[in-house]
Protein backbone atom coordinates (compact mmCIF):
# COMPACT_ATOMS: atom_id res chain seq x y z
CA MET A 1 5.11 -12.85 -15.89
CA THR A 2 4.66 -11.33 -12.50
CA PRO A 3 6.58 -7.80 -12.06
CA ASP A 4 9.37 -6.76 -9.74
CA SER A 5 7.67 -6.89 -6.52
CA GLU A 6 9.51 -3.50 -6.52
CA ILE A 7 7.83 -1.81 -9.57
CA ILE A 8 4.53 -3.37 -7.48
CA ALA A 9 5.35 -1.79 -4.72
CA LEU A 10 6.43 1.87 -6.79
CA ALA A 11 3.81 1.88 -8.35
CA ALA A 12 1.00 0.73 -5.69
CA ALA A 13 2.43 4.38 -3.46
CA ASN A 14 1.93 6.06 -6.44
CA ALA A 15 -1.53 5.24 -7.06
CA ALA A 16 -2.69 5.38 -3.34
CA SER A 17 -0.97 9.08 -3.76
CA ASP A 18 -3.06 9.77 -6.64
CA LYS A 19 -6.25 9.69 -4.77
CA LYS A 20 -4.42 12.04 -2.01
CA ALA A 21 -3.56 8.83 0.42
CA ASP A 22 -1.69 10.64 3.50
CA ASP A 23 1.86 9.42 4.87
CA ILE A 24 2.70 6.64 1.92
CA ARG A 25 5.50 4.56 3.20
CA ILE A 26 7.17 1.25 1.36
CA LEU A 27 9.35 -1.06 3.69
CA ASP A 28 11.42 -3.54 2.34
CA LEU A 29 11.28 -6.93 3.86
CA ARG A 30 12.72 -8.87 1.60
CA ASN A 31 15.92 -9.67 3.62
CA ILE A 32 13.84 -9.86 6.77
CA SER A 33 10.49 -11.91 6.13
CA SER A 34 9.15 -15.33 4.02
CA PHE A 35 6.43 -14.13 3.26
CA ALA A 36 6.07 -10.58 1.58
CA ASP A 37 8.55 -9.03 -0.32
CA PHE A 38 7.14 -5.27 0.34
CA PHE A 39 4.52 -3.04 2.93
CA VAL A 40 3.21 -0.04 1.62
CA ILE A 41 1.66 1.42 4.16
CA CYS A 42 -1.04 4.67 3.81
CA SER A 43 -4.22 6.50 5.77
CA GLY A 44 -7.52 7.45 4.06
CA ASN A 45 -9.33 10.20 5.94
CA SER A 46 -12.40 8.12 5.43
CA GLU A 47 -13.75 5.29 4.36
CA PRO A 48 -14.65 6.49 1.10
CA HIS A 49 -11.62 7.82 0.80
CA LEU A 50 -10.26 4.35 1.95
CA LYS A 51 -12.73 2.79 -0.35
CA ALA A 52 -11.04 4.90 -3.60
CA ILE A 53 -7.86 4.58 -2.45
CA ALA A 54 -8.12 0.71 -2.58
CA SER A 55 -10.24 0.78 -5.87
CA GLU A 56 -7.62 3.71 -7.60
CA ILE A 57 -4.50 0.72 -6.54
CA ARG A 58 -6.43 -2.32 -7.79
CA GLU A 59 -7.61 -0.43 -11.06
CA LYS A 60 -4.24 1.33 -11.66
CA LEU A 61 -1.96 -2.23 -11.19
CA ARG A 62 -4.29 -3.90 -13.47
CA GLU A 63 -3.68 -1.35 -15.81
CA SER A 64 -0.31 -0.99 -15.79
CA LEU A 65 1.25 -3.98 -14.86
CA GLY A 66 -1.84 -6.92 -16.01
CA ILE A 67 -1.68 -7.83 -12.29
CA HIS A 68 -5.00 -8.73 -9.67
CA ALA A 69 -5.32 -8.25 -6.34
CA ASN A 70 -6.45 -10.46 -3.49
CA THR A 71 -8.67 -7.85 -1.18
CA ASP A 72 -9.33 -8.61 2.78
CA GLY A 73 -10.55 -6.41 4.95
CA PHE A 74 -12.98 -3.16 3.86
CA PRO A 75 -13.85 0.24 4.36
CA ALA A 76 -15.90 0.19 7.26
CA SER A 77 -13.25 -1.88 9.23
CA GLN A 78 -10.37 1.06 8.64
CA TRP A 79 -7.96 -1.26 7.27
CA VAL A 80 -7.79 -2.77 3.52
CA VAL A 81 -5.62 -5.37 2.72
CA LEU A 82 -4.32 -5.68 -0.58
CA ASP A 83 -2.04 -8.62 -1.72
CA PHE A 84 -0.06 -8.26 -5.05
CA HIS A 85 1.91 -11.38 -5.54
CA GLY A 86 4.33 -10.40 -2.30
CA VAL A 87 3.61 -7.03 -2.58
CA LEU A 88 1.02 -6.05 0.79
CA ILE A 89 -1.05 -2.66 0.81
CA HIS A 90 -1.94 -1.44 3.93
CA ILE A 91 -4.95 1.17 3.91
CA PHE A 92 -5.55 2.45 7.42
CA HIS A 93 -7.36 5.04 8.45
CA PRO A 94 -5.16 6.32 11.13
CA GLU A 95 -6.67 5.65 14.79
CA LYS A 96 -6.35 2.08 13.42
CA ARG A 97 -2.84 2.67 11.78
CA ASN A 98 -1.82 4.23 14.95
CA PHE A 99 -3.00 1.10 16.99
CA TYR A 100 -1.54 -1.89 14.81
CA ASP A 101 1.61 0.49 13.70
CA LEU A 102 3.54 -1.68 11.60
CA GLU A 103 6.00 0.73 11.04
CA SER A 104 7.30 -0.20 14.58
CA LEU A 105 6.42 -3.46 14.13
CA TRP A 106 8.27 -3.92 11.09
CA ARG A 107 11.67 -1.11 11.90
CA ASP A 108 13.76 -3.97 11.11
CA ALA A 109 13.03 -3.15 7.57
CA PRO A 110 14.09 -0.87 5.56
CA LEU A 111 12.21 2.11 4.15
CA ILE A 112 12.25 2.20 -0.02
CA PRO A 113 12.32 6.18 -1.00
CA PHE A 114 9.17 7.56 -1.78
CA GLU A 115 7.68 11.61 -2.17
CA THR A 116 4.72 12.38 -3.51
CA THR A 117 5.42 13.95 -6.89
CA ALA A 118 3.81 17.19 -8.01
CA GLU A 119 1.68 16.11 -10.74
CA ASN A 120 -0.28 13.55 -7.71
CA LEU A 121 -1.21 16.30 -5.76
């Protein structure tokens, strides 16, 4: 059985925070999209950082929830997307994030509260 999509989104955000991802946002798309329940959007400051964030999310969700991601993009493209059963995690270099501006495109989506905890710093 696949875990609840909100649990997946929060677990992904926490894993990204563990690798010092910047500006983590969780957008709730359940009432406005038919292809995804949540977007988790975050930034990394270099290609190795993007790779480390993606690896951490894949590993933590596999370990804690027993789920695997489909992956698209790669760090050299400055945008990596992980798909966990309707939860799409977008890991951007800041310039690409500003260019594609998913938060504005999906501005009708409510934000799910998420704050980096002290243990993730």
